[in-house]
Amino acid sequence: MPKISETDLLLNSDGSVYHLNLLPKHISDTIIAVGDPSRVYMVSQFFDEVEFEMNKREFITHVGKFNGKKITVISTGIGTDNIEIFFTELDALANIDLKTREVKSRRKKLKVIRIGTSGAMQEDIPVGSYLVSEAALGLDNLMNFYDLPMDDEEIGLAHDIQKKIGLPFMPYVVRGSETLLKQIGSDMRVGNTVTCPGFYAPQGRKLRAPVRFPNLLDDLNYYHKGDFWLTNFEMETAGYYAMARLLGHDALSVNAIFANRIKNKFVKNPNQVIENLIEKVLTRI
């Protein structure tokens, strides 16, 4: 395989990857990803020690040890465009020799666990509960630029959802890591997450701007095929699962349910809910 060009793989003057500003020594086999940069500190407060910190744009990294095991936590900001940058550069750190710009012959598989917040779209999912995403529905357009392999069930769901909701494009459906789901989410609710390319109209909210799909929330709430139901909204999970499949890594999205859109309820103690989830995930890594 030819060397990767300087314009395809951008590096900083110190040899670190362009956006994350990290070197291979800074990543562990298990990566915790959070959207909100301030949440990095909520994770690293549980570390035995913090050995390294890096702040670059919305990508804040802390490297430390939890119960003696090296853990890297990185913030991504919002949206699947940021997840593409995060996952691509993370994979480059693991599987590309940054000095020779050649793909390593022996590939490393990373475990990436997203700890995030989400809104429920089913009445029986209480605020303050925890939900692991078995599969994700991507309503964003990121995978239009990649050749994502989907199995027959995933393709069937994608076509059916497009038809039932009346979307002018085909979404993508992709499952996460079964291994990580069993390891991390054994006592959590299991669901299927809708990843949206925005917070307002793409999640069925209307303020002043006219919306194209006024019944989107109801359509997603009522949609099911067999025992496949859509359970919650957020803005990154499908990007994690798709990039993980493309690059050969394991990924799992763990969601703290902050709102129930059907009951119009919001959690009263959001910081405590997410902090408890962080501690629970750390103890299971």
Protein backbone atom coordinates (compact mmCIF):
# COMPACT_ATOMS: atom_id res chain seq x y z
CA MET A 1 0.00 0.00 0.00
CA PRO A 2 1.47 3.42 -0.93
CA LYS A 3 2.37 5.99 1.68
CA ILE A 4 -0.46 8.21 2.84
CA SER A 5 0.04 11.76 1.60
CA GLU A 6 0.64 14.79 3.80
CA THR A 7 -2.68 16.28 2.73
CA ASP A 8 -4.66 13.11 3.49
CA LEU A 9 -3.11 12.55 6.91
CA LEU A 10 -2.36 15.94 8.44
CA LEU A 11 0.18 16.06 11.26
CA ASN A 12 1.28 18.87 13.55
CA SER A 13 4.91 19.98 13.80
CA ASP A 14 5.47 17.64 16.77
CA GLY A 15 4.21 14.66 14.76
CA SER A 16 0.82 14.50 16.48
CA VAL A 17 -2.44 14.00 14.58
CA TYR A 18 -3.93 17.28 13.44
CA HIS A 19 -7.15 17.78 15.42
CA LEU A 20 -6.71 15.59 18.49
CA ASN A 21 -3.09 16.78 18.90
CA LEU A 22 -2.12 13.36 20.27
CA LEU A 23 0.74 10.92 19.77
CA PRO A 24 0.36 7.12 19.77
CA LYS A 25 1.67 6.90 23.36
CA HIS A 26 -1.33 8.91 24.56
CA ILE A 27 -4.05 6.41 23.68
CA SER A 28 -5.01 3.32 25.62
CA ASP A 29 -6.73 0.20 24.32
CA THR A 30 -9.96 1.46 25.89
CA ILE A 31 -11.15 4.97 25.06
CA ILE A 32 -14.01 6.77 26.80
CA ALA A 33 -15.63 9.40 24.60
CA VAL A 34 -17.86 12.22 25.82
CA GLY A 35 -19.48 15.02 23.86
CA ASP A 36 -19.23 17.87 26.35
CA PRO A 37 -15.60 18.95 26.98
CA SER A 38 -16.42 19.70 30.62
CA ARG A 39 -17.45 16.08 31.07
CA VAL A 40 -13.84 14.95 30.57
CA TYR A 41 -13.13 16.27 34.06
CA MET A 42 -16.13 14.36 35.41
CA VAL A 43 -14.49 11.17 34.13
CA SER A 44 -10.89 11.88 35.15
CA GLN A 45 -11.90 12.81 38.71
CA PHE A 46 -12.24 9.06 39.26
CA PHE A 47 -8.73 8.30 37.97
CA ASP A 48 -6.01 7.25 40.38
CA GLU A 49 -3.90 9.90 38.66
CA VAL A 50 -3.96 12.02 35.49
CA GLU A 51 -0.71 11.55 33.57
CA PHE A 52 -1.36 13.74 30.52
CA GLU A 53 -3.73 16.47 29.36
CA MET A 54 -4.28 18.02 25.93
CA ASN A 55 -6.71 20.80 24.95
CA LYS A 56 -7.30 21.37 21.24
CA ARG A 57 -10.54 22.99 20.07
CA GLU A 58 -13.42 20.88 21.41
CA PHE A 59 -11.13 17.84 21.67
CA ILE A 60 -9.94 17.68 25.29
CA THR A 61 -7.98 14.60 26.36
CA HIS A 62 -7.04 13.25 29.78
CA VAL A 63 -4.90 10.12 30.12
CA GLY A 64 -4.67 8.38 33.47
CA LYS A 65 -5.23 5.19 35.39
CA PHE A 66 -8.34 3.78 36.99
CA ASN A 67 -7.73 0.83 39.31
CA GLY A 68 -4.28 0.60 37.77
CA LYS A 69 -5.54 0.36 34.16
CA LYS A 70 -4.61 3.03 31.61
CA ILE A 71 -7.67 4.90 30.34
CA THR A 72 -7.94 7.73 27.80
CA VAL A 73 -10.97 10.02 27.87
CA ILE A 74 -11.59 12.41 24.97
CA SER A 75 -14.33 14.94 24.28
CA THR A 76 -15.69 15.12 20.74
CA GLY A 77 -18.12 18.02 20.69
CA ILE A 78 -21.48 17.56 19.00
CA GLY A 79 -22.37 15.70 15.80
CA THR A 80 -21.21 12.86 13.59
CA ASP A 81 -18.86 15.13 11.61
CA ASN A 82 -16.78 15.40 14.78
CA ILE A 83 -17.04 11.65 15.33
CA GLU A 84 -15.54 11.07 11.89
CA ILE A 85 -12.53 13.24 12.80
CA PHE A 86 -12.23 11.64 16.23
CA PHE A 87 -12.42 8.04 14.99
CA THR A 88 -10.22 8.53 11.92
CA GLU A 89 -7.42 10.16 13.90
CA LEU A 90 -7.77 7.67 16.74
CA ASP A 91 -7.39 4.83 14.24
CA ALA A 92 -4.38 6.56 12.67
CA LEU A 93 -2.71 6.67 16.09
CA ALA A 94 -3.31 2.93 16.51
CA ASN A 95 -2.81 1.56 13.00
CA ILE A 96 -0.66 3.92 10.93
CA ASP A 97 3.07 4.52 11.40
CA LEU A 98 3.01 8.31 11.56
CA LYS A 99 6.70 8.59 10.67
CA THR A 100 6.63 6.43 7.53
CA ARG A 101 2.95 7.21 6.74
CA GLU A 102 2.33 3.52 6.07
CA VAL A 103 -0.45 1.34 7.43
CA LYS A 104 0.89 -1.12 9.99
CA SER A 105 0.81 -4.79 9.01
CA ARG A 106 -0.63 -5.76 12.39
CA ARG A 107 -3.87 -3.96 13.20
CA LYS A 108 -4.97 -2.97 16.70
CA LYS A 109 -8.61 -3.13 17.72
CA LEU A 110 -9.68 -0.36 20.10
CA LYS A 111 -12.63 -0.35 22.48
CA VAL A 112 -14.47 2.97 22.32
CA ILE A 113 -17.25 3.65 24.82
CA ARG A 114 -19.41 6.73 24.41
CA ILE A 115 -20.95 8.07 27.61
CA GLY A 116 -23.58 10.59 26.65
CA THR A 117 -27.00 12.05 27.23
CA SER A 118 -30.17 11.35 25.31
CA GLY A 119 -33.89 11.93 25.10
CA ALA A 120 -36.32 9.01 25.22
CA MET A 121 -39.05 8.66 22.63
CA GLN A 122 -40.92 5.80 24.30
CA GLU A 123 -43.28 6.50 27.20
CA ASP A 124 -42.00 3.66 29.38
CA ILE A 125 -38.35 4.85 29.51
CA PRO A 126 -37.99 6.92 32.69
CA VAL A 127 -35.79 9.99 32.97
CA GLY A 128 -32.66 9.26 34.97
CA SER A 129 -32.38 5.72 33.59
CA TYR A 130 -29.51 4.25 31.56
CA LEU A 131 -29.83 2.81 28.07
CA VAL A 132 -27.26 1.02 25.91
CA SER A 133 -27.66 1.24 22.16
CA GLU A 134 -27.81 -2.15 20.48
CA ALA A 135 -28.18 -0.48 17.08
CA ALA A 136 -28.32 3.04 15.71
CA LEU A 137 -30.30 4.70 12.95
CA GLY A 138 -28.30 7.42 11.21
CA LEU A 139 -30.38 10.30 9.85
CA ASP A 140 -27.19 12.24 9.05
CA ASN A 141 -25.40 12.04 5.69
CA LEU A 142 -21.92 10.96 6.85
CA MET A 143 -22.17 7.45 5.42
CA ASN A 144 -22.99 8.81 1.97
CA PHE A 145 -19.24 9.39 1.72
CA TYR A 146 -18.17 5.91 2.89
CA ASP A 147 -18.83 2.39 1.70
CA LEU A 148 -20.46 1.07 4.86
CA PRO A 149 -21.24 -2.65 4.82
CA MET A 150 -24.69 -3.39 6.22
CA ASP A 151 -26.25 -6.82 6.55
CA ASP A 152 -29.64 -7.73 5.07
CA GLU A 153 -31.53 -6.94 8.28
CA GLU A 154 -29.93 -3.50 8.59
CA ILE A 155 -30.59 -2.70 4.92
CA GLY A 156 -34.20 -3.86 5.27
CA LEU A 157 -34.73 -1.63 8.30
CA ALA A 158 -33.15 1.36 6.55
CA HIS A 159 -35.42 0.99 3.51
CA ASP A 160 -38.51 0.41 5.65
CA ILE A 161 -37.86 3.45 7.85
CA GLN A 162 -37.27 5.64 4.80
CA LYS A 163 -40.59 4.52 3.33
CA LYS A 164 -42.69 4.70 6.51
CA ILE A 165 -41.41 8.14 7.56
CA GLY A 166 -41.25 9.53 4.02
CA LEU A 167 -37.60 10.56 4.08
CA PRO A 168 -36.11 11.88 0.81
CA PHE A 169 -32.94 9.86 1.51
CA MET A 170 -32.10 6.40 2.81
CA PRO A 171 -30.77 6.43 6.37
CA TYR A 172 -28.28 3.85 7.60
CA VAL A 173 -28.67 1.28 10.35
CA VAL A 174 -25.69 -0.26 12.12
CA ARG A 175 -25.28 -2.36 15.25
CA GLY A 176 -22.67 -1.76 17.93
CA SER A 177 -20.38 -4.19 19.74
CA GLU A 178 -22.18 -7.18 21.25
CA THR A 179 -19.13 -7.88 23.43
CA LEU A 180 -19.09 -4.42 24.97
CA LEU A 181 -22.87 -4.43 25.38
CA LYS A 182 -22.65 -7.57 27.53
CA GLN A 183 -19.66 -6.23 29.45
CA ILE A 184 -20.93 -2.71 30.15
CA GLY A 185 -24.71 -2.80 29.83
CA SER A 186 -25.69 -6.07 31.48
CA ASP A 187 -28.24 -4.43 33.81
CA MET A 188 -29.27 -1.51 31.59
CA ARG A 189 -32.19 -1.06 29.24
CA VAL A 190 -31.25 -2.06 25.66
CA GLY A 191 -32.54 0.11 22.84
CA ASN A 192 -32.12 1.38 19.30
CA THR A 193 -30.94 4.94 19.01
CA VAL A 194 -31.82 7.57 16.42
CA THR A 195 -28.83 9.78 15.55
CA CYS A 196 -29.96 13.15 14.23
CA PRO A 197 -28.04 15.84 12.30
CA GLY A 198 -29.40 18.58 14.56
CA PHE A 199 -31.13 19.24 17.87
CA TYR A 200 -34.29 21.06 16.82
CA ALA A 201 -36.16 20.11 13.60
CA PRO A 202 -34.20 16.85 13.12
CA GLN A 203 -35.45 15.78 16.56
CA GLY A 204 -39.03 16.91 15.97
CA ARG A 205 -38.76 20.28 17.74
CA LYS A 206 -40.35 23.43 16.32
CA LEU A 207 -39.63 26.98 17.42
CA ARG A 208 -39.96 29.68 14.72
CA ALA A 209 -38.45 28.15 11.58
CA PRO A 210 -40.82 26.09 9.41
CA VAL A 211 -40.14 22.33 9.60
CA ARG A 212 -40.42 19.75 6.85
CA PHE A 213 -41.45 16.76 8.99
CA PRO A 214 -43.95 18.05 11.57
CA ASN A 215 -44.90 14.52 12.67
CA LEU A 216 -41.34 13.22 12.96
CA LEU A 217 -41.48 12.51 16.71
CA ASP A 218 -44.72 10.55 16.41
CA ASP A 219 -43.52 8.68 13.32
CA LEU A 220 -40.33 7.56 15.06
CA ASN A 221 -42.17 6.79 18.30
CA TYR A 222 -44.68 4.50 16.58
CA TYR A 223 -42.28 2.88 14.12
CA HIS A 224 -41.44 -0.78 14.68
CA LYS A 225 -40.62 -3.80 12.61
CA GLY A 226 -41.06 -7.04 14.49
CA ASP A 227 -39.44 -6.42 17.88
CA PHE A 228 -37.29 -3.54 16.59
CA TRP A 229 -38.42 -0.27 18.17
CA LEU A 230 -36.69 3.11 18.21
CA THR A 231 -36.07 4.21 21.79
CA ASN A 232 -34.12 7.47 22.00
CA PHE A 233 -32.62 10.46 20.17
CA GLU A 234 -29.12 11.92 20.22
CA MET A 235 -26.51 13.17 17.72
CA GLU A 236 -23.49 10.81 17.59
CA THR A 237 -24.13 7.09 18.15
CA ALA A 238 -24.64 6.03 14.52
CA GLY A 239 -21.36 7.76 13.63
CA TYR A 240 -19.53 5.79 16.32
CA TYR A 241 -20.99 2.47 15.21
CA ALA A 242 -20.44 3.07 11.50
CA MET A 243 -16.84 4.30 11.85
CA ALA A 244 -16.06 1.42 14.22
CA ARG A 245 -17.31 -1.09 11.67
CA LEU A 246 -15.41 0.56 8.81
CA LEU A 247 -12.14 0.63 10.78
CA GLY A 248 -12.45 -2.66 12.67
CA HIS A 249 -12.95 -1.41 16.23
CA ASP A 250 -15.51 -2.10 18.97
CA ALA A 251 -17.87 0.70 19.97
CA LEU A 252 -20.71 1.04 22.44
CA SER A 253 -22.95 4.00 23.24
CA VAL A 254 -24.22 4.31 26.81
CA ASN A 255 -26.93 6.90 27.30
CA ALA A 256 -28.17 8.74 30.38
CA ILE A 257 -31.81 9.55 29.67
CA PHE A 258 -32.25 13.22 30.53
CA ALA A 259 -35.66 13.78 28.90
CA ASN A 260 -38.76 11.84 27.93
CA ARG A 261 -40.19 13.55 24.85
CA ILE A 262 -43.52 11.71 25.03
CA LYS A 263 -44.19 12.66 28.65
CA ASN A 264 -42.46 16.05 28.35
CA LYS A 265 -40.36 15.37 31.44
CA PHE A 266 -36.74 16.40 32.15
CA VAL A 267 -34.44 14.90 34.76
CA LYS A 268 -34.14 16.90 37.99
CA ASN A 269 -30.53 16.00 38.88
CA PRO A 270 -28.65 15.70 35.55
CA ASN A 271 -25.11 16.03 36.93
CA GLN A 272 -25.62 13.27 39.50
CA VAL A 273 -27.20 10.98 36.90
CA ILE A 274 -24.29 11.31 34.44
CA GLU A 275 -21.68 11.09 37.20
CA ASN A 276 -23.18 7.84 38.47
CA LEU A 277 -23.17 6.47 34.94
CA ILE A 278 -19.51 7.39 34.44
CA GLU A 279 -18.53 5.59 37.64
CA LYS A 280 -20.60 2.53 36.67
CA VAL A 281 -18.94 2.29 33.24
CA LEU A 282 -15.43 2.76 34.65
CA THR A 283 -15.87 -0.09 37.13
CA ARG A 284 -16.91 -2.42 34.27
CA ILE A 285 -14.04 -1.70 31.87
